């Protein structure tokens, strides 16, 4: 299941690079993932609270536009 979430991130990033970010829902349907849990996390503020801690645990630089 975890690989599907990496694929979701990749899919959304790819659409953004192509200027087709408004088609983000197609990534969920093509991977067979439910939108609700991720949208709930985003909409209730949990994602914004968790993101900085996640970046601190990784070797990647913090991308401020994601916060």
PDB file of N, CA and C in Angstrom:
ATOM      1  N   UNK A   1       0.820  -1.195   0.000  1.00  0.00           N
ATOM      2  CA  UNK A   1       0.000   0.000   0.000  1.00  0.00           C
ATOM      3  C   UNK A   1       0.863   1.257   0.000  1.00  0.00           C
ATOM      4  N   UNK A   2       1.977   1.237   0.717  1.00  0.00           N
ATOM      5  CA  UNK A   2       2.830   2.419   0.801  1.00  0.00           C
ATOM      6  C   UNK A   2       3.318   2.852  -0.585  1.00  0.00           C
ATOM      7  N   UNK A   3       3.625   1.916  -1.452  1.00  0.00           N
ATOM      8  CA  UNK A   3       4.080   2.255  -2.793  1.00  0.00           C
ATOM      9  C   UNK A   3       3.028   3.027  -3.573  1.00  0.00           C
ATOM     10  N   UNK A   4       1.755   2.751  -3.297  1.00  0.00           N
ATOM     11  CA  UNK A   4       0.686   3.481  -3.979  1.00  0.00           C
ATOM     12  C   UNK A   4       0.698   4.948  -3.579  1.00  0.00           C
ATOM     13  N   UNK A   5       1.044   5.235  -2.318  1.00  0.00           N
ATOM     14  CA  UNK A   5       1.080   6.624  -1.880  1.00  0.00           C
ATOM     15  C   UNK A   5       2.265   7.360  -2.494  1.00  0.00           C
ATOM     16  N   UNK A   6       3.388   6.677  -2.662  1.00  0.00           N
ATOM     17  CA  UNK A   6       4.507   7.286  -3.388  1.00  0.00           C
ATOM     18  C   UNK A   6       4.107   7.550  -4.835  1.00  0.00           C
ATOM     19  N   UNK A   7       3.393   6.616  -5.420  1.00  0.00           N
ATOM     20  CA  UNK A   7       2.920   6.787  -6.793  1.00  0.00           C
ATOM     21  C   UNK A   7       1.937   7.949  -6.883  1.00  0.00           C
ATOM     22  N   UNK A   8       1.127   8.138  -5.843  1.00  0.00           N
ATOM     23  CA  UNK A   8       0.191   9.262  -5.815  1.00  0.00           C
ATOM     24  C   UNK A   8       0.945  10.589  -5.814  1.00  0.00           C
ATOM     25  N   UNK A   9       1.961  10.680  -4.981  1.00  0.00           N
ATOM     26  CA  UNK A   9       2.777  11.904  -4.933  1.00  0.00           C
ATOM     27  C   UNK A   9       3.418  12.159  -6.288  1.00  0.00           C
ATOM     28  N   UNK A  10       3.987  11.123  -6.869  1.00  0.00           N
ATOM     29  CA  UNK A  10       4.619  11.259  -8.179  1.00  0.00           C
ATOM     30  C   UNK A  10       3.611  11.720  -9.225  1.00  0.00           C
ATOM     31  N   UNK A  11       2.434  11.121  -9.214  1.00  0.00           N
ATOM     32  CA  UNK A  11       1.396  11.451 -10.190  1.00  0.00           C
ATOM     33  C   UNK A  11       0.994  12.923 -10.074  1.00  0.00           C
ATOM     34  N   UNK A  12       0.766  13.376  -8.848  1.00  0.00           N
ATOM     35  CA  UNK A  12       0.354  14.770  -8.648  1.00  0.00           C
ATOM     36  C   UNK A  12       1.482  15.724  -9.034  1.00  0.00           C
ATOM     37  N   UNK A  13       2.721  15.386  -8.684  1.00  0.00           N
ATOM     38  CA  UNK A  13       3.858  16.221  -9.085  1.00  0.00           C
ATOM     39  C   UNK A  13       3.972  16.288 -10.606  1.00  0.00           C
ATOM     40  N   UNK A  14       3.805  15.158 -11.265  1.00  0.00           N
ATOM     41  CA  UNK A  14       3.907  15.106 -12.721  1.00  0.00           C
ATOM     42  C   UNK A  14       2.835  15.981 -13.369  1.00  0.00           C
ATOM     43  N   UNK A  15       1.599  15.890 -12.859  1.00  0.00           N
ATOM     44  CA  UNK A  15       0.530  16.730 -13.400  1.00  0.00           C
ATOM     45  C   UNK A  15       0.846  18.211 -13.193  1.00  0.00           C
ATOM     46  N   UNK A  16       1.413  18.543 -12.048  1.00  0.00           N
ATOM     47  CA  UNK A  16       1.757  19.933 -11.752  1.00  0.00           C
ATOM     48  C   UNK A  16       2.821  20.443 -12.717  1.00  0.00           C
ATOM     49  N   UNK A  17       3.836  19.633 -12.948  1.00  0.00           N
ATOM     50  CA  UNK A  17       4.899  20.018 -13.882  1.00  0.00           C
ATOM     51  C   UNK A  17       4.332  20.260 -15.275  1.00  0.00           C
ATOM     52  N   UNK A  18       3.355  19.443 -15.659  1.00  0.00           N
ATOM     53  CA  UNK A  18       2.735  19.581 -16.978  1.00  0.00           C
ATOM     54  C   UNK A  18       1.670  20.678 -17.020  1.00  0.00           C
ATOM     55  N   UNK A  19       1.409  21.331 -15.882  1.00  0.00           N
ATOM     56  CA  UNK A  19       0.387  22.364 -15.841  1.00  0.00           C
ATOM     57  C   UNK A  19      -1.028  21.817 -15.822  1.00  0.00           C
ATOM     58  N   UNK A  20      -1.156  20.554 -15.444  1.00  0.00           N
ATOM     59  CA  UNK A  20      -2.478  19.910 -15.410  1.00  0.00           C
ATOM     60  C   UNK A  20      -2.887  19.564 -13.984  1.00  0.00           C
ATOM     61  N   UNK A  21      -2.456  20.372 -13.015  1.00  0.00           N
ATOM     62  CA  UNK A  21      -2.710  20.067 -11.613  1.00  0.00           C
ATOM     63  C   UNK A  21      -4.197  20.003 -11.267  1.00  0.00           C
ATOM     64  N   UNK A  22      -5.033  20.622 -12.063  1.00  0.00           N
ATOM     65  CA  UNK A  22      -6.476  20.568 -11.789  1.00  0.00           C
ATOM     66  C   UNK A  22      -7.048  19.163 -12.020  1.00  0.00           C
ATOM     67  N   UNK A  23      -6.273  18.284 -12.620  1.00  0.00           N
ATOM     68  CA  UNK A  23      -6.705  16.897 -12.858  1.00  0.00           C
ATOM     69  C   UNK A  23      -6.234  15.954 -11.749  1.00  0.00           C
ATOM     70  N   UNK A  24      -5.903  16.490 -10.562  1.00  0.00           N
ATOM     71  CA  UNK A  24      -5.330  15.692  -9.476  1.00  0.00           C
ATOM     72  C   UNK A  24      -6.192  14.498  -9.092  1.00  0.00           C
ATOM     73  N   UNK A  25      -7.499  14.586  -9.229  1.00  0.00           N
ATOM     74  CA  UNK A  25      -8.375  13.477  -8.848  1.00  0.00           C
ATOM     75  C   UNK A  25      -8.142  12.244  -9.713  1.00  0.00           C
ATOM     76  N   UNK A  26      -7.642  12.441 -10.914  1.00  0.00           N
ATOM     77  CA  UNK A  26      -7.368  11.290 -11.782  1.00  0.00           C
ATOM     78  C   UNK A  26      -6.285  10.397 -11.184  1.00  0.00           C
ATOM     79  N   UNK A  27      -5.395  10.970 -10.387  1.00  0.00           N
ATOM     80  CA  UNK A  27      -4.340  10.176  -9.752  1.00  0.00           C
ATOM     81  C   UNK A  27      -4.933   9.182  -8.758  1.00  0.00           C
ATOM     82  N   UNK A  28      -5.917   9.631  -7.987  1.00  0.00           N
ATOM     83  CA  UNK A  28      -6.572   8.735  -7.036  1.00  0.00           C
ATOM     84  C   UNK A  28      -7.276   7.597  -7.767  1.00  0.00           C
ATOM     85  N   UNK A  29      -8.026   7.937  -8.792  1.00  0.00           N
ATOM     86  CA  UNK A  29      -8.797   6.899  -9.492  1.00  0.00           C
ATOM     87  C   UNK A  29      -7.878   5.931 -10.228  1.00  0.00           C
ATOM     88  N   UNK A  30      -6.817   6.419 -10.830  1.00  0.00           N
ATOM     89  CA  UNK A  30      -5.928   5.511 -11.573  1.00  0.00           C
ATOM     90  C   UNK A  30      -5.177   4.561 -10.648  1.00  0.00           C
ATOM     91  N   UNK A  31      -4.959   4.973  -9.389  1.00  0.00           N
ATOM     92  CA  UNK A  31      -4.249   4.123  -8.441  1.00  0.00           C
ATOM     93  C   UNK A  31      -5.185   3.332  -7.523  1.00  0.00           C
ATOM     94  N   UNK A  32      -6.491   3.578  -7.655  1.00  0.00           N
ATOM     95  CA  UNK A  32      -7.457   2.884  -6.816  1.00  0.00           C
ATOM     96  C   UNK A  32      -7.405   3.308  -5.357  1.00  0.00           C
ATOM     97  N   UNK A  33      -7.046   4.560  -5.096  1.00  0.00           N
ATOM     98  CA  UNK A  33      -6.970   5.073  -3.730  1.00  0.00           C
ATOM     99  C   UNK A  33      -8.182   5.943  -3.408  1.00  0.00           C
ATOM    100  N   UNK A  34      -8.663   5.872  -2.181  1.00  0.00           N
ATOM    101  CA  UNK A  34      -9.769   6.744  -1.786  1.00  0.00           C
ATOM    102  C   UNK A  34      -9.253   8.169  -1.535  1.00  0.00           C
ATOM    103  N   UNK A  35     -10.005   9.158  -1.945  1.00  0.00           N
ATOM    104  CA  UNK A  35      -9.620  10.551  -1.737  1.00  0.00           C
ATOM    105  C   UNK A  35      -9.865  11.006  -0.300  1.00  0.00           C
ATOM    106  N   UNK A  36     -10.929  10.514   0.313  1.00  0.00           N
ATOM    107  CA  UNK A  36     -11.393  11.046   1.584  1.00  0.00           C
ATOM    108  C   UNK A  36     -10.328  11.125   2.679  1.00  0.00           C
ATOM    109  N   UNK A  37      -9.561  10.078   2.977  1.00  0.00           N
ATOM    110  CA  UNK A  37      -8.596  10.186   4.076  1.00  0.00           C
ATOM    111  C   UNK A  37      -7.550  11.292   3.859  1.00  0.00           C
ATOM    112  N   UNK A  38      -7.106  11.427   2.636  1.00  0.00           N
ATOM    113  CA  UNK A  38      -6.090  12.438   2.352  1.00  0.00           C
ATOM    114  C   UNK A  38      -6.697  13.829   2.364  1.00  0.00           C
ATOM    115  N   UNK A  39      -7.874  13.976   1.804  1.00  0.00           N
ATOM    116  CA  UNK A  39      -8.540  15.279   1.830  1.00  0.00           C
ATOM    117  C   UNK A  39      -8.907  15.684   3.252  1.00  0.00           C
ATOM    118  N   UNK A  40      -9.331  14.725   4.074  1.00  0.00           N
ATOM    119  CA  UNK A  40      -9.626  15.023   5.477  1.00  0.00           C
ATOM    120  C   UNK A  40      -8.369  15.525   6.192  1.00  0.00           C
ATOM    121  N   UNK A  41      -7.250  14.873   5.972  1.00  0.00           N
ATOM    122  CA  UNK A  41      -5.977  15.271   6.579  1.00  0.00           C
ATOM    123  C   UNK A  41      -5.611  16.692   6.161  1.00  0.00           C
ATOM    124  N   UNK A  42      -5.793  16.998   4.899  1.00  0.00           N
ATOM    125  CA  UNK A  42      -5.488  18.331   4.380  1.00  0.00           C
ATOM    126  C   UNK A  42      -6.465  19.373   4.932  1.00  0.00           C
ATOM    127  N   UNK A  43      -7.745  19.069   4.888  1.00  0.00           N
ATOM    128  CA  UNK A  43      -8.771  20.034   5.270  1.00  0.00           C
ATOM    129  C   UNK A  43      -8.848  20.309   6.765  1.00  0.00           C
ATOM    130  N   UNK A  44      -8.496  19.332   7.612  1.00  0.00           N
ATOM    131  CA  UNK A  44      -8.596  19.554   9.055  1.00  0.00           C
ATOM    132  C   UNK A  44      -7.311  20.101   9.666  1.00  0.00           C
ATOM    133  N   UNK A  45      -6.300  20.336   8.845  1.00  0.00           N
ATOM    134  CA  UNK A  45      -5.062  20.948   9.328  1.00  0.00           C
ATOM    135  C   UNK A  45      -4.007  19.976   9.804  1.00  0.00           C
ATOM    136  N   UNK A  46      -4.334  18.695   9.881  1.00  0.00           N
ATOM    137  CA  UNK A  46      -3.362  17.708  10.344  1.00  0.00           C
ATOM    138  C   UNK A  46      -2.143  17.657   9.427  1.00  0.00           C
ATOM    139  N   UNK A  47      -2.363  17.728   8.131  1.00  0.00           N
ATOM    140  CA  UNK A  47      -1.254  17.681   7.183  1.00  0.00           C
ATOM    141  C   UNK A  47      -0.253  18.803   7.404  1.00  0.00           C
ATOM    142  N   UNK A  48      -0.742  20.006   7.676  1.00  0.00           N
ATOM    143  CA  UNK A  48       0.140  21.151   7.907  1.00  0.00           C
ATOM    144  C   UNK A  48       0.941  20.982   9.197  1.00  0.00           C
ATOM    145  N   UNK A  49       0.363  20.291  10.187  1.00  0.00           N
ATOM    146  CA  UNK A  49       1.064  20.056  11.451  1.00  0.00           C
ATOM    147  C   UNK A  49       2.126  18.965  11.305  1.00  0.00           C
ATOM    148  N   UNK A  50       1.844  17.962  10.500  1.00  0.00           N
ATOM    149  CA  UNK A  50       2.737  16.815  10.347  1.00  0.00           C
ATOM    150  C   UNK A  50       3.873  17.089   9.360  1.00  0.00           C
ATOM    151  N   UNK A  51       3.624  17.868   8.335  1.00  0.00           N
ATOM    152  CA  UNK A  51       4.606  18.080   7.270  1.00  0.00           C
ATOM    153  C   UNK A  51       5.970  18.556   7.764  1.00  0.00           C
ATOM    154  N   UNK A  52       6.061  19.583   8.609  1.00  0.00           N
ATOM    155  CA  UNK A  52       7.398  20.025   9.041  1.00  0.00           C
ATOM    156  C   UNK A  52       8.187  18.926   9.744  1.00  0.00           C
ATOM    157  N   UNK A  53       7.519  18.106  10.559  1.00  0.00           N
ATOM    158  CA  UNK A  53       8.206  17.003  11.234  1.00  0.00           C
ATOM    159  C   UNK A  53       8.679  15.955  10.248  1.00  0.00           C
ATOM    160  N   UNK A  54       7.907  15.716   9.223  1.00  0.00           N
ATOM    161  CA  UNK A  54       8.276  14.737   8.204  1.00  0.00           C
ATOM    162  C   UNK A  54       9.520  15.186   7.460  1.00  0.00           C
ATOM    163  N   UNK A  55       9.580  16.463   7.121  1.00  0.00           N
ATOM    164  CA  UNK A  55      10.751  16.978   6.420  1.00  0.00           C
ATOM    165  C   UNK A  55      11.995  16.907   7.288  1.00  0.00           C
ATOM    166  N   UNK A  56      11.850  17.128   8.589  1.00  0.00           N
ATOM    167  CA  UNK A  56      12.993  17.057   9.490  1.00  0.00           C
ATOM    168  C   UNK A  56      13.570  15.646   9.542  1.00  0.00           C
ATOM    169  N   UNK A  57      12.729  14.643   9.337  1.00  0.00           N
ATOM    170  CA  UNK A  57      13.180  13.255   9.382  1.00  0.00           C
ATOM    171  C   UNK A  57      13.794  12.790   8.069  1.00  0.00           C
ATOM    172  N   UNK A  58      13.646  13.581   7.023  1.00  0.00           N
ATOM    173  CA  UNK A  58      14.156  13.169   5.719  1.00  0.00           C
ATOM    174  C   UNK A  58      15.456  13.893   5.408  1.00  0.00           C
ATOM    175  N   UNK A  59      16.101  13.482   4.339  1.00  0.00           N
ATOM    176  CA  UNK A  59      17.321  14.134   3.878  1.00  0.00           C
ATOM    177  C   UNK A  59      17.034  15.215   2.854  1.00  0.00           C
ATOM    178  N   UNK A  60      15.761  15.471   2.588  1.00  0.00           N
ATOM    179  CA  UNK A  60      15.384  16.433   1.569  1.00  0.00           C
ATOM    180  C   UNK A  60      15.223  17.819   2.173  1.00  0.00           C
ATOM    181  N   UNK A  61      15.530  18.852   1.403  1.00  0.00           N
ATOM    182  CA  UNK A  61      15.345  20.210   1.909  1.00  0.00           C
ATOM    183  C   UNK A  61      13.863  20.514   2.076  1.00  0.00           C
ATOM    184  N   UNK A  62      13.537  21.373   3.008  1.00  0.00           N
ATOM    185  CA  UNK A  62      12.150  21.778   3.225  1.00  0.00           C
ATOM    186  C   UNK A  62      11.710  22.663   2.077  1.00  0.00           C
ATOM    187  N   UNK A  63      10.632  22.282   1.449  1.00  0.00           N
ATOM    188  CA  UNK A  63      10.060  23.068   0.363  1.00  0.00           C
ATOM    189  C   UNK A  63       8.959  23.927   0.951  1.00  0.00           C
ATOM    190  N   UNK A  64       9.261  25.192   1.153  1.00  0.00           N
ATOM    191  CA  UNK A  64       8.344  26.061   1.880  1.00  0.00           C
ATOM    192  C   UNK A  64       6.993  26.198   1.207  1.00  0.00           C
ATOM    193  N   UNK A  65       6.922  25.999  -0.104  1.00  0.00           N
ATOM    194  CA  UNK A  65       5.637  26.123  -0.769  1.00  0.00           C
ATOM    195  C   UNK A  65       4.690  24.993  -0.407  1.00  0.00           C
ATOM    196  N   UNK A  66       5.197  23.929   0.195  1.00  0.00           N
ATOM    197  CA  UNK A  66       4.346  22.822   0.613  1.00  0.00           C
ATOM    198  C   UNK A  66       3.765  23.028   1.995  1.00  0.00           C
ATOM    199  N   UNK A  67       4.303  23.958   2.750  1.00  0.00           N
ATOM    200  CA  UNK A  67       3.844  24.162   4.128  1.00  0.00           C
ATOM    201  C   UNK A  67       2.672  25.082   4.206  1.00  0.00           C
TER     202      UNK A  67
END
